[in-house]
């Protein structure tokens, strides 16, 4: 277990670091007009955060308490991306869900 002094020192340092990162954008760029291409790219930040949060849950399910599928099991392979494979994708998803 981490001792109390180390915990609070680390918490304070992380708080100061977070403040400085946020201030670097808000304090220095807050009064300026941002380029249109930069504003356009900022719209995609939220879309990029969701996969960044979900990907570790998919790749390392043991971190969330789920049991990973052992190597060599008969887990079905993902379907192809052909337009006619919709029925196959539903079947694959149902088979895959049995292993989780």
Protein backbone atom coordinates (compact mmCIF):
# COMPACT_ATOMS: atom_id res chain seq x y z
CA UNK A 1 0.00 0.00 0.00
CA UNK A 2 1.17 3.53 -0.68
CA UNK A 3 1.80 5.72 2.35
CA UNK A 4 -0.27 8.84 2.94
CA UNK A 5 2.47 11.40 2.30
CA UNK A 6 3.39 9.91 -1.06
CA UNK A 7 -0.27 9.72 -2.07
CA UNK A 8 -1.04 13.36 -1.31
CA UNK A 9 2.21 14.59 -2.86
CA UNK A 10 1.47 12.69 -6.04
CA UNK A 11 -2.14 13.92 -6.05
CA UNK A 12 -1.04 17.55 -5.69
CA UNK A 13 1.58 17.21 -8.45
CA UNK A 14 -0.92 15.62 -10.81
CA UNK A 15 -3.41 18.40 -10.03
CA UNK A 16 -0.83 21.09 -10.80
CA UNK A 17 0.17 19.27 -14.00
CA UNK A 18 -3.45 19.00 -15.13
CA UNK A 19 -3.99 22.70 -14.42
CA UNK A 20 -0.91 23.67 -16.45
CA UNK A 21 -1.97 21.56 -19.43
CA UNK A 22 -5.43 23.10 -19.44
CA UNK A 23 -4.11 26.61 -18.88
CA UNK A 24 -1.73 26.24 -21.81
CA UNK A 25 -4.75 26.05 -24.11
CA UNK A 26 -7.21 28.31 -22.33
CA UNK A 27 -4.82 30.97 -21.04
CA UNK A 28 -2.57 31.36 -24.02
CA UNK A 29 -5.08 30.70 -26.82
CA UNK A 30 -8.29 31.88 -25.15
CA UNK A 31 -8.35 35.37 -26.64
CA UNK A 32 -7.16 34.44 -30.13
CA UNK A 33 -9.05 33.41 -33.21
CA UNK A 34 -8.16 29.81 -34.01
CA UNK A 35 -7.67 28.74 -37.63
CA UNK A 36 -10.65 27.06 -39.27
CA UNK A 37 -8.74 23.82 -39.91
CA UNK A 38 -7.87 23.61 -36.19
CA UNK A 39 -11.47 24.16 -35.09
CA UNK A 40 -12.58 21.50 -37.55
CA UNK A 41 -10.13 19.01 -36.07
CA UNK A 42 -11.25 19.84 -32.53
CA UNK A 43 -14.69 18.47 -33.42
CA UNK A 44 -13.16 15.00 -33.77
CA UNK A 45 -11.54 14.94 -30.34
CA UNK A 46 -14.71 13.68 -28.68
CA UNK A 47 -15.10 10.97 -31.30
CA UNK A 48 -11.53 9.84 -30.65
CA UNK A 49 -11.96 9.65 -26.88
CA UNK A 50 -14.64 6.93 -26.94
CA UNK A 51 -12.51 4.35 -28.83
CA UNK A 52 -9.58 5.25 -26.59
CA UNK A 53 -11.68 4.29 -23.57
CA UNK A 54 -13.27 1.17 -25.09
CA UNK A 55 -10.22 -0.39 -26.78
CA UNK A 56 -8.45 -1.42 -23.54
CA UNK A 57 -11.69 -3.08 -22.37
CA UNK A 58 -11.81 -5.10 -25.57
CA UNK A 59 -8.11 -5.99 -25.73
CA UNK A 60 -7.60 -6.69 -22.02
CA UNK A 61 -10.93 -7.87 -20.59
CA UNK A 62 -9.25 -9.30 -17.48
CA UNK A 63 -8.72 -5.74 -16.28
CA UNK A 64 -12.49 -5.39 -15.96
CA UNK A 65 -13.02 -8.75 -14.27
CA UNK A 66 -14.08 -10.67 -17.37
CA UNK A 67 -12.40 -13.92 -18.28
CA UNK A 68 -10.46 -13.78 -21.54
CA UNK A 69 -11.03 -16.47 -24.12
CA UNK A 70 -8.10 -18.90 -23.97
CA UNK A 71 -5.92 -19.23 -27.07
CA UNK A 72 -6.88 -22.12 -29.31
CA UNK A 73 -10.55 -22.07 -28.34
CA UNK A 74 -13.21 -22.43 -30.98
CA UNK A 75 -14.09 -18.75 -30.99
CA UNK A 76 -15.53 -17.87 -34.41
CA UNK A 77 -13.57 -15.54 -36.64
CA UNK A 78 -14.99 -12.14 -37.49
CA UNK A 79 -17.10 -11.90 -40.64
CA UNK A 80 -16.01 -10.31 -43.87
CA UNK A 81 -17.16 -6.82 -44.66
CA UNK A 82 -19.20 -7.79 -47.73
CA UNK A 83 -22.62 -6.13 -48.00
CA UNK A 84 -24.37 -9.48 -48.22
CA UNK A 85 -22.82 -10.68 -44.97
CA UNK A 86 -25.34 -9.01 -42.64
CA UNK A 87 -26.95 -12.30 -41.64
CA UNK A 88 -23.51 -13.80 -41.10
CA UNK A 89 -22.47 -10.84 -38.92
CA UNK A 90 -25.52 -11.29 -36.68
CA UNK A 91 -24.80 -15.01 -36.37
CA UNK A 92 -21.14 -14.34 -35.65
CA UNK A 93 -22.06 -11.82 -32.95
CA UNK A 94 -24.40 -14.27 -31.25
CA UNK A 95 -21.75 -17.00 -31.30
CA UNK A 96 -19.11 -14.61 -30.03
CA UNK A 97 -21.38 -13.44 -27.21
CA UNK A 98 -21.60 -17.00 -25.88
CA UNK A 99 -17.87 -16.91 -25.08
CA UNK A 100 -18.03 -13.76 -22.99
